[in-house]
Amino acid sequence: MAAAVWLGGPDQWKWLGDSSGEFSVSSVKKLLVKSRDSNVNFVLNWCKWVPAKCLVHAWRAGMNRDPTKEALERRNILISNRSCLLCDSGEETIDLITSSCYIATMVWESIKRWCKVHSNFGLSARDLLEWYNSVGLGNREKEAFHGIVVIACWRLWKARNDKKFEGKEVKIEEIIGDIKSLGFLWYKHRSKYKTIGWSNWCKFSFM
């Protein structure tokens, strides 16, 4: 958005940063503060056993920096169809993709049953990434659940991109299967708990 407009005559400009039309340092400061992205304040707790590609995506999602259709429009990129690529209902935002669209809802329902945690309904992407702090799990279970949430957010975004760029059909059972299998592979080989077996992982049992 332009900060000033030309009024037609020589040296006739109107400053848009203040309702009076008069330029001042304070009005510039207010304009900069207003346009500042508050999402830069988001700090992601790094989960050590999860690969960097998943963590980087989680960090970007928490700051709403993923190139969703809504985000692209905010960057003045023309989008002809703004509906979510996963569920084709509602404007595609990172919160819809990761939390509230039909596909995401089914994925989280499965994860809730698997990990024995309470509802996440209404959570934003940022809230999801901090969900592990409020589910009442023990330290080891909480660490595992934190990683599972990060992987799930990444896998949902991957499903979105696979459909957009490869025309691949979105399958809920495939997304859930990947979250479980990749989660097990990474947890077993990247965490300090090397002895966990597939059966216990599927039961979310760390005894």
N, C-alpha and C. Protein backbone atom coordinates (compact mmCIF):
# COMPACT_ATOMS: atom_id res chain seq x y z
N MET A 1 0.85 -1.19 0.00
CA MET A 1 0.00 0.00 0.00
C MET A 1 0.89 1.24 0.00
N ALA A 2 0.52 2.23 -0.85
CA ALA A 2 1.28 3.47 -0.92
C ALA A 2 1.11 4.26 0.37
N ALA A 3 2.20 4.93 0.80
CA ALA A 3 2.15 5.71 2.03
C ALA A 3 1.78 7.16 1.75
N ALA A 4 1.81 7.55 0.48
CA ALA A 4 1.47 8.93 0.11
C ALA A 4 0.85 8.91 -1.28
N VAL A 5 0.01 9.90 -1.58
CA VAL A 5 -0.59 10.01 -2.91
C VAL A 5 -0.35 11.41 -3.46
N TRP A 6 -0.21 11.48 -4.78
CA TRP A 6 0.00 12.76 -5.46
C TRP A 6 -1.35 13.40 -5.71
N LEU A 7 -1.50 14.69 -5.38
CA LEU A 7 -2.78 15.38 -5.50
C LEU A 7 -2.94 16.12 -6.82
N GLY A 8 -1.95 16.04 -7.68
CA GLY A 8 -2.10 16.61 -9.01
C GLY A 8 -1.23 17.79 -9.32
N GLY A 9 -0.99 18.65 -8.35
CA GLY A 9 -0.17 19.83 -8.56
C GLY A 9 1.28 19.58 -8.21
N PRO A 10 2.16 20.55 -8.51
CA PRO A 10 3.57 20.41 -8.16
C PRO A 10 3.76 20.36 -6.65
N ASP A 11 4.48 19.35 -6.20
CA ASP A 11 4.77 19.17 -4.78
C ASP A 11 3.51 19.08 -3.91
N GLN A 12 2.46 18.54 -4.49
CA GLN A 12 1.22 18.37 -3.73
C GLN A 12 1.02 16.88 -3.44
N TRP A 13 1.40 16.52 -2.24
CA TRP A 13 1.30 15.13 -1.81
C TRP A 13 0.52 15.05 -0.51
N LYS A 14 -0.19 13.96 -0.31
CA LYS A 14 -0.91 13.73 0.94
C LYS A 14 -0.36 12.48 1.60
N TRP A 15 0.04 12.61 2.87
CA TRP A 15 0.56 11.49 3.64
C TRP A 15 -0.60 10.63 4.14
N LEU A 16 -0.55 9.31 3.81
CA LEU A 16 -1.64 8.41 4.19
C LEU A 16 -1.43 7.74 5.54
N GLY A 17 -0.30 7.98 6.15
CA GLY A 17 -0.01 7.36 7.43
C GLY A 17 -0.69 8.02 8.61
N ASP A 18 -1.41 9.13 8.35
CA ASP A 18 -2.10 9.82 9.43
C ASP A 18 -3.38 10.43 8.85
N SER A 19 -4.45 10.44 9.65
CA SER A 19 -5.74 10.94 9.16
C SER A 19 -5.70 12.41 8.79
N SER A 20 -4.76 13.16 9.37
CA SER A 20 -4.65 14.58 9.05
C SER A 20 -3.99 14.83 7.70
N GLY A 21 -3.31 13.82 7.16
CA GLY A 21 -2.60 13.99 5.90
C GLY A 21 -1.24 14.62 6.06
N GLU A 22 -0.85 14.93 7.31
CA GLU A 22 0.43 15.57 7.57
C GLU A 22 1.49 14.52 7.94
N PHE A 23 2.66 14.68 7.31
CA PHE A 23 3.75 13.75 7.59
C PHE A 23 4.40 14.07 8.94
N SER A 24 4.70 13.00 9.72
CA SER A 24 5.44 13.17 10.97
C SER A 24 6.18 11.87 11.28
N VAL A 25 7.23 12.00 12.07
CA VAL A 25 8.00 10.82 12.45
C VAL A 25 7.13 9.86 13.26
N SER A 26 6.29 10.39 14.14
CA SER A 26 5.44 9.54 14.97
C SER A 26 4.45 8.74 14.12
N SER A 27 3.93 9.37 13.04
CA SER A 27 2.99 8.64 12.19
C SER A 27 3.69 7.52 11.43
N VAL A 28 4.96 7.74 11.06
CA VAL A 28 5.74 6.68 10.42
C VAL A 28 5.93 5.52 11.38
N LYS A 29 6.26 5.84 12.62
CA LYS A 29 6.46 4.81 13.64
C LYS A 29 5.19 3.99 13.85
N LYS A 30 4.05 4.67 13.93
CA LYS A 30 2.78 3.97 14.10
C LYS A 30 2.48 3.07 12.92
N LEU A 31 2.80 3.53 11.71
CA LEU A 31 2.56 2.75 10.50
C LEU A 31 3.42 1.49 10.49
N LEU A 32 4.67 1.63 10.92
CA LEU A 32 5.58 0.48 10.96
C LEU A 32 5.13 -0.54 12.00
N VAL A 33 4.70 -0.06 13.16
CA VAL A 33 4.24 -0.96 14.21
C VAL A 33 2.98 -1.69 13.77
N LYS A 34 2.09 -0.98 13.09
CA LYS A 34 0.84 -1.57 12.62
C LYS A 34 1.08 -2.66 11.59
N SER A 35 2.07 -2.45 10.72
CA SER A 35 2.33 -3.40 9.64
C SER A 35 3.25 -4.54 10.06
N ARG A 36 3.81 -4.44 11.26
CA ARG A 36 4.72 -5.48 11.73
C ARG A 36 3.96 -6.78 11.95
N ASP A 37 4.56 -7.88 11.52
CA ASP A 37 3.92 -9.18 11.68
C ASP A 37 4.17 -9.67 13.10
N SER A 38 3.09 -9.75 13.88
CA SER A 38 3.24 -10.19 15.27
C SER A 38 3.66 -11.64 15.37
N ASN A 39 3.55 -12.41 14.27
CA ASN A 39 3.90 -13.82 14.30
C ASN A 39 5.38 -14.06 14.51
N VAL A 40 6.22 -13.01 14.34
CA VAL A 40 7.65 -13.20 14.56
C VAL A 40 7.93 -13.53 16.01
N ASN A 41 6.96 -13.30 16.91
CA ASN A 41 7.16 -13.59 18.31
C ASN A 41 7.01 -15.08 18.63
N PHE A 42 6.56 -15.86 17.66
CA PHE A 42 6.37 -17.29 17.89
C PHE A 42 7.72 -17.99 18.01
N VAL A 43 7.87 -18.77 19.08
CA VAL A 43 9.09 -19.55 19.29
C VAL A 43 8.70 -21.02 19.37
N LEU A 44 9.20 -21.82 18.45
CA LEU A 44 8.89 -23.25 18.42
C LEU A 44 9.85 -24.00 19.33
N ASN A 45 9.29 -24.83 20.19
CA ASN A 45 10.10 -25.71 21.01
C ASN A 45 10.60 -26.85 20.13
N TRP A 46 11.89 -26.92 19.93
CA TRP A 46 12.50 -27.89 19.02
C TRP A 46 12.39 -29.29 19.59
N CYS A 47 11.81 -30.21 18.85
CA CYS A 47 11.72 -31.61 19.26
C CYS A 47 12.89 -32.35 18.63
N LYS A 48 13.80 -32.84 19.44
CA LYS A 48 15.10 -33.30 18.95
C LYS A 48 15.04 -34.53 18.07
N TRP A 49 14.02 -35.37 18.24
CA TRP A 49 13.99 -36.61 17.45
C TRP A 49 13.29 -36.46 16.10
N VAL A 50 12.71 -35.31 15.85
CA VAL A 50 12.00 -35.07 14.59
C VAL A 50 12.94 -34.42 13.58
N PRO A 51 12.93 -34.87 12.31
CA PRO A 51 13.82 -34.28 11.29
C PRO A 51 13.59 -32.79 11.10
N ALA A 52 14.64 -32.12 10.65
CA ALA A 52 14.60 -30.66 10.49
C ALA A 52 13.52 -30.22 9.51
N LYS A 53 13.27 -31.01 8.46
CA LYS A 53 12.27 -30.59 7.46
C LYS A 53 10.89 -30.43 8.09
N CYS A 54 10.57 -31.30 9.05
CA CYS A 54 9.27 -31.21 9.74
C CYS A 54 9.25 -30.03 10.69
N LEU A 55 10.36 -29.82 11.39
CA LEU A 55 10.43 -28.72 12.36
C LEU A 55 10.40 -27.36 11.68
N VAL A 56 11.09 -27.25 10.55
CA VAL A 56 11.08 -25.98 9.81
C VAL A 56 9.67 -25.68 9.33
N HIS A 57 8.99 -26.71 8.83
CA HIS A 57 7.60 -26.48 8.41
C HIS A 57 6.74 -26.04 9.59
N ALA A 58 6.91 -26.70 10.75
CA ALA A 58 6.13 -26.34 11.93
C ALA A 58 6.39 -24.89 12.33
N TRP A 59 7.63 -24.49 12.28
CA TRP A 59 8.01 -23.11 12.61
C TRP A 59 7.34 -22.13 11.66
N ARG A 60 7.37 -22.45 10.36
CA ARG A 60 6.73 -21.58 9.38
C ARG A 60 5.21 -21.55 9.58
N ALA A 61 4.63 -22.71 9.88
CA ALA A 61 3.18 -22.77 10.10
C ALA A 61 2.78 -21.95 11.31
N GLY A 62 3.58 -22.02 12.37
CA GLY A 62 3.28 -21.26 13.57
C GLY A 62 3.33 -19.76 13.35
N MET A 63 4.09 -19.32 12.35
CA MET A 63 4.18 -17.89 12.03
C MET A 63 3.32 -17.52 10.82
N ASN A 64 2.52 -18.50 10.32
CA ASN A 64 1.67 -18.29 9.15
C ASN A 64 2.50 -17.85 7.93
N ARG A 65 3.62 -18.52 7.73
CA ARG A 65 4.51 -18.19 6.61
C ARG A 65 4.43 -19.20 5.47
N ASP A 66 3.60 -20.24 5.60
CA ASP A 66 3.45 -21.18 4.50
C ASP A 66 2.67 -20.53 3.36
N PRO A 67 2.99 -20.87 2.11
CA PRO A 67 2.32 -20.24 0.96
C PRO A 67 0.94 -20.81 0.68
N THR A 68 0.04 -20.66 1.65
CA THR A 68 -1.36 -21.03 1.40
C THR A 68 -1.97 -20.01 0.44
N LYS A 69 -3.16 -20.31 -0.03
CA LYS A 69 -3.82 -19.38 -0.96
C LYS A 69 -4.11 -18.04 -0.28
N GLU A 70 -4.52 -18.12 0.98
CA GLU A 70 -4.78 -16.88 1.73
C GLU A 70 -3.50 -16.07 1.89
N ALA A 71 -2.40 -16.74 2.19
CA ALA A 71 -1.12 -16.04 2.37
C ALA A 71 -0.64 -15.45 1.05
N LEU A 72 -0.82 -16.15 -0.04
CA LEU A 72 -0.40 -15.65 -1.34
C LEU A 72 -1.21 -14.41 -1.73
N GLU A 73 -2.50 -14.41 -1.41
CA GLU A 73 -3.31 -13.23 -1.70
C GLU A 73 -2.85 -12.04 -0.89
N ARG A 74 -2.42 -12.27 0.34
CA ARG A 74 -1.90 -11.17 1.15
C ARG A 74 -0.62 -10.60 0.55
N ARG A 75 0.05 -11.39 -0.28
CA ARG A 75 1.26 -10.94 -0.95
C ARG A 75 0.97 -10.42 -2.36
N ASN A 76 -0.34 -10.13 -2.59
CA ASN A 76 -0.80 -9.55 -3.86
C ASN A 76 -0.60 -10.49 -5.05
N ILE A 77 -0.72 -11.80 -4.81
CA ILE A 77 -0.69 -12.78 -5.88
C ILE A 77 -2.13 -13.21 -6.16
N LEU A 78 -2.56 -13.06 -7.39
CA LEU A 78 -3.95 -13.33 -7.76
C LEU A 78 -4.23 -14.83 -7.71
N ILE A 79 -5.26 -15.21 -6.97
CA ILE A 79 -5.67 -16.61 -6.84
C ILE A 79 -7.11 -16.73 -7.34
N SER A 80 -7.32 -17.59 -8.33
CA SER A 80 -8.66 -17.72 -8.91
C SER A 80 -9.60 -18.55 -8.04
N ASN A 81 -9.06 -19.58 -7.39
CA ASN A 81 -9.87 -20.44 -6.53
C ASN A 81 -9.20 -20.50 -5.16
N ARG A 82 -9.87 -19.98 -4.15
CA ARG A 82 -9.27 -19.87 -2.82
C ARG A 82 -9.61 -21.02 -1.89
N SER A 83 -10.35 -22.02 -2.38
CA SER A 83 -10.78 -23.10 -1.49
C SER A 83 -9.62 -24.03 -1.13
N CYS A 84 -9.75 -24.67 0.01
CA CYS A 84 -8.71 -25.57 0.53
C CYS A 84 -8.48 -26.73 -0.42
N LEU A 85 -7.24 -27.03 -0.70
CA LEU A 85 -6.91 -28.13 -1.61
C LEU A 85 -7.19 -29.49 -0.99
N LEU A 86 -7.21 -29.57 0.34
CA LEU A 86 -7.47 -30.85 0.99
C LEU A 86 -8.95 -31.20 1.01
N CYS A 87 -9.78 -30.23 1.38
CA CYS A 87 -11.21 -30.53 1.58
C CYS A 87 -12.13 -29.76 0.64
N ASP A 88 -11.60 -28.79 -0.09
CA ASP A 88 -12.38 -27.99 -1.05
C ASP A 88 -13.54 -27.26 -0.37
N SER A 89 -13.37 -26.88 0.88
CA SER A 89 -14.41 -26.11 1.57
C SER A 89 -13.74 -25.06 2.45
N GLY A 90 -14.07 -23.83 2.24
CA GLY A 90 -13.49 -22.74 3.00
C GLY A 90 -12.20 -22.23 2.38
N GLU A 91 -11.87 -20.99 2.71
CA GLU A 91 -10.65 -20.38 2.20
C GLU A 91 -9.44 -21.09 2.78
N GLU A 92 -8.46 -21.40 1.93
CA GLU A 92 -7.29 -22.15 2.36
C GLU A 92 -6.38 -21.29 3.21
N THR A 93 -6.35 -21.60 4.49
CA THR A 93 -5.43 -20.97 5.44
C THR A 93 -4.63 -22.08 6.10
N ILE A 94 -3.54 -21.72 6.76
CA ILE A 94 -2.74 -22.74 7.43
C ILE A 94 -3.52 -23.36 8.59
N ASP A 95 -4.38 -22.58 9.25
CA ASP A 95 -5.19 -23.13 10.34
C ASP A 95 -6.20 -24.15 9.81
N LEU A 96 -6.79 -23.88 8.63
CA LEU A 96 -7.75 -24.81 8.05
C LEU A 96 -7.06 -26.11 7.67
N ILE A 97 -5.91 -26.00 7.01
CA ILE A 97 -5.20 -27.19 6.55
C ILE A 97 -4.74 -28.06 7.71
N THR A 98 -4.20 -27.46 8.74
CA THR A 98 -3.60 -28.24 9.82
C THR A 98 -4.59 -28.62 10.92
N SER A 99 -5.74 -27.96 10.99
CA SER A 99 -6.60 -28.18 12.14
C SER A 99 -8.05 -28.47 11.84
N SER A 100 -8.70 -27.64 11.03
CA SER A 100 -10.16 -27.68 11.01
C SER A 100 -10.82 -28.16 9.73
N CYS A 101 -10.07 -28.43 8.68
CA CYS A 101 -10.72 -28.99 7.48
C CYS A 101 -11.06 -30.45 7.75
N TYR A 102 -11.89 -31.03 6.91
CA TYR A 102 -12.38 -32.40 7.14
C TYR A 102 -11.23 -33.39 7.23
N ILE A 103 -10.27 -33.30 6.33
CA ILE A 103 -9.14 -34.23 6.33
C ILE A 103 -8.36 -34.11 7.64
N ALA A 104 -8.03 -32.88 8.02
CA ALA A 104 -7.27 -32.67 9.26
C ALA A 104 -8.04 -33.16 10.47
N THR A 105 -9.34 -32.92 10.50
CA THR A 105 -10.16 -33.36 11.64
C THR A 105 -10.10 -34.86 11.80
N MET A 106 -10.19 -35.60 10.70
CA MET A 106 -10.14 -37.06 10.76
C MET A 106 -8.76 -37.55 11.21
N VAL A 107 -7.72 -36.87 10.76
CA VAL A 107 -6.36 -37.23 11.17
C VAL A 107 -6.19 -37.03 12.67
N TRP A 108 -6.64 -35.87 13.18
CA TRP A 108 -6.48 -35.59 14.60
C TRP A 108 -7.35 -36.49 15.47
N GLU A 109 -8.52 -36.88 14.98
CA GLU A 109 -9.35 -37.82 15.72
C GLU A 109 -8.61 -39.14 15.91
N SER A 110 -7.95 -39.60 14.85
CA SER A 110 -7.19 -40.85 14.94
C SER A 110 -6.02 -40.71 15.91
N ILE A 111 -5.32 -39.57 15.86
CA ILE A 111 -4.18 -39.34 16.75
C ILE A 111 -4.64 -39.25 18.20
N LYS A 112 -5.78 -38.62 18.43
CA LYS A 112 -6.31 -38.51 19.79
C LYS A 112 -6.60 -39.88 20.38
N ARG A 113 -7.20 -40.75 19.59
CA ARG A 113 -7.49 -42.11 20.08
C ARG A 113 -6.20 -42.88 20.31
N TRP A 114 -5.25 -42.74 19.39
CA TRP A 114 -3.98 -43.45 19.50
C TRP A 114 -3.20 -43.00 20.74
N CYS A 115 -3.11 -41.70 20.95
CA CYS A 115 -2.28 -41.16 22.03
C CYS A 115 -3.05 -40.91 23.32
N LYS A 116 -4.36 -41.17 23.28
CA LYS A 116 -5.21 -41.06 24.48
C LYS A 116 -5.17 -39.65 25.09
N VAL A 117 -5.44 -38.65 24.24
CA VAL A 117 -5.44 -37.27 24.70
C VAL A 117 -6.80 -36.64 24.43
N HIS A 118 -7.03 -35.47 25.03
CA HIS A 118 -8.32 -34.81 24.91
C HIS A 118 -8.42 -34.02 23.60
N SER A 119 -9.58 -33.43 23.39
CA SER A 119 -9.90 -32.78 22.12
C SER A 119 -8.99 -31.60 21.81
N ASN A 120 -8.77 -31.41 20.50
CA ASN A 120 -8.03 -30.25 20.02
C ASN A 120 -8.91 -29.34 19.17
N PHE A 121 -10.22 -29.49 19.23
CA PHE A 121 -11.11 -28.73 18.37
C PHE A 121 -10.93 -27.23 18.56
N GLY A 122 -10.89 -26.52 17.45
CA GLY A 122 -10.79 -25.07 17.50
C GLY A 122 -9.38 -24.54 17.63
N LEU A 123 -8.39 -25.42 17.66
CA LEU A 123 -7.02 -24.96 17.80
C LEU A 123 -6.48 -24.41 16.48
N SER A 124 -5.68 -23.36 16.59
CA SER A 124 -4.97 -22.84 15.42
C SER A 124 -3.72 -23.68 15.20
N ALA A 125 -3.01 -23.44 14.12
CA ALA A 125 -1.75 -24.15 13.87
C ALA A 125 -0.78 -23.92 15.01
N ARG A 126 -0.71 -22.70 15.48
CA ARG A 126 0.19 -22.38 16.59
C ARG A 126 -0.23 -23.09 17.86
N ASP A 127 -1.54 -23.12 18.13
CA ASP A 127 -2.04 -23.82 19.32
C ASP A 127 -1.72 -25.31 19.25
N LEU A 128 -1.86 -25.89 18.07
CA LEU A 128 -1.56 -27.31 17.89
C LEU A 128 -0.12 -27.62 18.29
N LEU A 129 0.80 -26.75 17.90
CA LEU A 129 2.21 -26.98 18.16
C LEU A 129 2.55 -26.82 19.64
N GLU A 130 1.62 -26.27 20.42
CA GLU A 130 1.82 -26.15 21.87
C GLU A 130 0.86 -27.05 22.64
N TRP A 131 0.11 -27.86 21.92
CA TRP A 131 -0.92 -28.73 22.49
C TRP A 131 -0.33 -29.72 23.49
N TYR A 132 0.87 -30.21 23.21
CA TYR A 132 1.49 -31.24 24.05
C TYR A 132 1.67 -30.78 25.50
N ASN A 133 1.69 -29.49 25.73
CA ASN A 133 1.90 -28.96 27.08
C ASN A 133 0.65 -29.07 27.96
N SER A 134 -0.50 -29.34 27.35
CA SER A 134 -1.75 -29.29 28.12
C SER A 134 -2.53 -30.60 28.08
N VAL A 135 -1.88 -31.70 27.71
CA VAL A 135 -2.61 -32.96 27.59
C VAL A 135 -2.40 -33.88 28.79
N GLY A 136 -1.58 -33.47 29.75
CA GLY A 136 -1.42 -34.24 30.97
C GLY A 136 -0.62 -35.51 30.84
N LEU A 137 0.25 -35.59 29.88
CA LEU A 137 1.08 -36.78 29.69
C LEU A 137 2.36 -36.69 30.51
N GLY A 138 2.97 -37.85 30.78
CA GLY A 138 4.27 -37.88 31.43
C GLY A 138 5.34 -37.35 30.50
N ASN A 139 6.53 -37.16 31.01
CA ASN A 139 7.59 -36.52 30.24
C ASN A 139 7.92 -37.26 28.94
N ARG A 140 8.06 -38.58 29.03
CA ARG A 140 8.41 -39.34 27.83
C ARG A 140 7.27 -39.34 26.84
N GLU A 141 6.05 -39.55 27.32
CA GLU A 141 4.89 -39.53 26.42
C GLU A 141 4.69 -38.15 25.80
N LYS A 142 4.93 -37.11 26.61
CA LYS A 142 4.77 -35.74 26.11
C LYS A 142 5.76 -35.45 25.00
N GLU A 143 7.00 -35.91 25.17
CA GLU A 143 8.02 -35.70 24.14
C GLU A 143 7.64 -36.42 22.85
N ALA A 144 7.12 -37.64 22.99
CA ALA A 144 6.70 -38.39 21.80
C ALA A 144 5.51 -37.72 21.13
N PHE A 145 4.54 -37.29 21.95
CA PHE A 145 3.34 -36.66 21.40
C PHE A 145 3.68 -35.35 20.70
N HIS A 146 4.59 -34.59 21.27
CA HIS A 146 5.03 -33.34 20.64
C HIS A 146 5.53 -33.62 19.23
N GLY A 147 6.39 -34.62 19.10
CA GLY A 147 6.92 -34.96 17.79
C GLY A 147 5.85 -35.44 16.83
N ILE A 148 4.90 -36.21 17.33
CA ILE A 148 3.81 -36.71 16.49
C ILE A 148 3.00 -35.56 15.92
N VAL A 149 2.72 -34.56 16.74
CA VAL A 149 1.97 -33.38 16.28
C VAL A 149 2.74 -32.65 15.17
N VAL A 150 4.04 -32.47 15.36
CA VAL A 150 4.86 -31.79 14.35
C VAL A 150 4.85 -32.58 13.04
N ILE A 151 5.00 -33.91 13.14
CA ILE A 151 5.00 -34.75 11.95
C ILE A 151 3.64 -34.70 11.25
N ALA A 152 2.55 -34.71 12.04
CA ALA A 152 1.21 -34.66 11.46
C ALA A 152 0.99 -33.36 10.69
N CYS A 153 1.42 -32.24 11.25
CA CYS A 153 1.28 -30.95 10.55
C CYS A 153 2.06 -30.97 9.24
N TRP A 154 3.27 -31.52 9.30
CA TRP A 154 4.09 -31.62 8.08
C TRP A 154 3.43 -32.54 7.07
N ARG A 155 2.89 -33.67 7.52
CA ARG A 155 2.29 -34.64 6.58
C ARG A 155 1.03 -34.09 5.95
N LEU A 156 0.24 -33.33 6.67
CA LEU A 156 -0.94 -32.69 6.09
C LEU A 156 -0.54 -31.68 5.02
N TRP A 157 0.50 -30.91 5.29
CA TRP A 157 0.99 -29.95 4.30
C TRP A 157 1.53 -30.67 3.08
N LYS A 158 2.22 -31.79 3.29
CA LYS A 158 2.74 -32.59 2.18
C LYS A 158 1.60 -33.14 1.32
N ALA A 159 0.52 -33.58 1.97
CA ALA A 159 -0.64 -34.08 1.22
C ALA A 159 -1.24 -32.97 0.36
N ARG A 160 -1.27 -31.78 0.91
CA ARG A 160 -1.77 -30.62 0.16
C ARG A 160 -0.90 -30.36 -1.06
N ASN A 161 0.41 -30.38 -0.89
CA ASN A 161 1.33 -30.12 -2.00
C ASN A 161 1.32 -31.25 -3.02
N ASP A 162 1.18 -32.49 -2.55
CA ASP A 162 1.12 -33.63 -3.48
C ASP A 162 -0.09 -33.51 -4.39
N LYS A 163 -1.20 -33.03 -3.84
CA LYS A 163 -2.40 -32.86 -4.66
C LYS A 163 -2.23 -31.69 -5.63
N LYS A 164 -1.65 -30.61 -5.14
CA LYS A 164 -1.50 -29.42 -5.98
C LYS A 164 -0.52 -29.63 -7.13
N PHE A 165 0.63 -30.22 -6.84
CA PHE A 165 1.69 -30.29 -7.83
C PHE A 165 1.77 -31.62 -8.57
N GLU A 166 1.18 -32.68 -7.99
CA GLU A 166 1.24 -33.99 -8.64
C GLU A 166 -0.14 -34.57 -8.93
N GLY A 167 -1.18 -33.87 -8.50
CA GLY A 167 -2.54 -34.35 -8.72
C GLY A 167 -2.85 -35.62 -7.95
N LYS A 168 -2.13 -35.86 -6.85
CA LYS A 168 -2.30 -37.09 -6.07
C LYS A 168 -3.53 -37.00 -5.18
N GLU A 169 -4.32 -38.07 -5.18
CA GLU A 169 -5.52 -38.10 -4.35
C GLU A 169 -5.15 -38.10 -2.87
N VAL A 170 -5.91 -37.35 -2.10
CA VAL A 170 -5.68 -37.28 -0.65
C VAL A 170 -6.38 -38.45 0.02
N LYS A 171 -5.62 -39.29 0.73
CA LYS A 171 -6.18 -40.45 1.41
C LYS A 171 -5.88 -40.34 2.91
N ILE A 172 -6.92 -40.27 3.70
CA ILE A 172 -6.76 -40.08 5.14
C ILE A 172 -5.96 -41.22 5.76
N GLU A 173 -6.30 -42.46 5.37
CA GLU A 173 -5.62 -43.61 5.96
C GLU A 173 -4.13 -43.63 5.62
N GLU A 174 -3.77 -43.11 4.45
CA GLU A 174 -2.37 -43.04 4.06
C GLU A 174 -1.62 -42.00 4.89
N ILE A 175 -2.26 -40.87 5.14
CA ILE A 175 -1.65 -39.82 5.97
C ILE A 175 -1.41 -40.35 7.38
N ILE A 176 -2.43 -40.99 7.96
CA ILE A 176 -2.30 -41.53 9.31
C ILE A 176 -1.23 -42.62 9.36
N GLY A 177 -1.22 -43.48 8.35
CA GLY A 177 -0.22 -44.54 8.30
C GLY A 177 1.20 -43.99 8.24
N ASP A 178 1.39 -42.92 7.46
CA ASP A 178 2.72 -42.31 7.37
C ASP A 178 3.13 -41.67 8.70
N ILE A 179 2.18 -41.02 9.37
CA ILE A 179 2.49 -40.39 10.66
C ILE A 179 2.97 -41.45 11.65
N LYS A 180 2.29 -42.59 11.68
CA LYS A 180 2.66 -43.66 12.61
C LYS A 180 3.98 -44.31 12.23
N SER A 181 4.13 -44.66 10.95
CA SER A 181 5.33 -45.40 10.54
C SER A 181 6.58 -44.52 10.54
N LEU A 182 6.46 -43.31 10.01
CA LEU A 182 7.61 -42.41 10.01
C LEU A 182 7.94 -41.97 11.44
N GLY A 183 6.89 -41.74 12.23
CA GLY A 183 7.11 -41.37 13.62
C GLY A 183 7.88 -42.46 14.36
N PHE A 184 7.47 -43.71 14.14
CA PHE A 184 8.18 -44.82 14.79
C PHE A 184 9.63 -44.90 14.33
N LEU A 185 9.85 -44.81 13.04
CA LEU A 185 11.21 -44.89 12.49
C LEU A 185 12.11 -43.81 13.07
N TRP A 186 11.61 -42.57 13.09
CA TRP A 186 12.41 -41.45 13.56
C TRP A 186 12.59 -41.49 15.08
N TYR A 187 11.52 -41.87 15.80
CA TYR A 187 11.63 -41.92 17.26
C TYR A 187 12.62 -43.01 17.69
N LYS A 188 12.56 -44.16 17.05
CA LYS A 188 13.41 -45.28 17.43
C LYS A 188 14.88 -45.00 17.13
N HIS A 189 15.15 -44.30 16.04
CA HIS A 189 16.53 -44.12 15.61
C HIS A 189 17.12 -42.74 15.92
N ARG A 190 16.27 -41.79 16.29
CA ARG A 190 16.77 -40.44 16.53
C ARG A 190 16.63 -40.00 17.99
N SER A 191 15.80 -40.70 18.76
CA SER A 191 15.66 -40.37 20.18
C SER A 191 16.60 -41.26 20.99
N LYS A 192 16.61 -41.06 22.30
CA LYS A 192 17.45 -41.88 23.17
C LYS A 192 16.77 -43.17 23.58
N TYR A 193 15.51 -43.35 23.13
CA TYR A 193 14.76 -44.55 23.48
C TYR A 193 14.79 -45.54 22.32
N LYS A 194 15.89 -46.25 22.17
CA LYS A 194 16.11 -47.11 21.02
C LYS A 194 15.39 -48.45 21.12
N THR A 195 14.93 -48.81 22.30
CA THR A 195 14.40 -50.16 22.50
C THR A 195 12.91 -50.27 22.23
N ILE A 196 12.23 -49.19 21.96
CA ILE A 196 10.78 -49.27 21.76
C ILE A 196 10.45 -50.12 20.53
N GLY A 197 9.43 -50.95 20.65
CA GLY A 197 9.00 -51.79 19.54
C GLY A 197 7.77 -51.22 18.86
N TRP A 198 7.50 -51.74 17.67
CA TRP A 198 6.37 -51.27 16.88
C TRP A 198 5.05 -51.46 17.62
N SER A 199 4.89 -52.60 18.30
CA SER A 199 3.64 -52.88 19.01
C SER A 199 3.38 -51.85 20.10
N ASN A 200 4.41 -51.54 20.89
CA ASN A 200 4.24 -50.53 21.94
C ASN A 200 4.00 -49.14 21.37
N TRP A 201 4.67 -48.83 20.25
CA TRP A 201 4.46 -47.54 19.60
C TRP A 201 3.01 -47.39 19.16
N CYS A 202 2.45 -48.46 18.58
CA CYS A 202 1.06 -48.40 18.12
C CYS A 202 0.07 -48.31 19.29
N LYS A 203 0.50 -48.79 20.48
CA LYS A 203 -0.35 -48.68 21.66
C LYS A 203 -0.05 -47.38 22.43
N PHE A 204 0.93 -46.62 21.97
CA PHE A 204 1.42 -45.43 22.66
C PHE A 204 1.76 -45.79 24.11
N SER A 205 2.53 -46.87 24.23
CA SER A 205 2.94 -47.38 25.53
C SER A 205 4.46 -47.33 25.62
N PHE A 206 4.97 -46.65 26.66
CA PHE A 206 6.41 -46.46 26.78
C PHE A 206 6.96 -47.09 28.06
N MET A 207 6.27 -48.08 28.57
CA MET A 207 6.72 -48.78 29.78
C MET A 207 7.97 -49.62 29.47
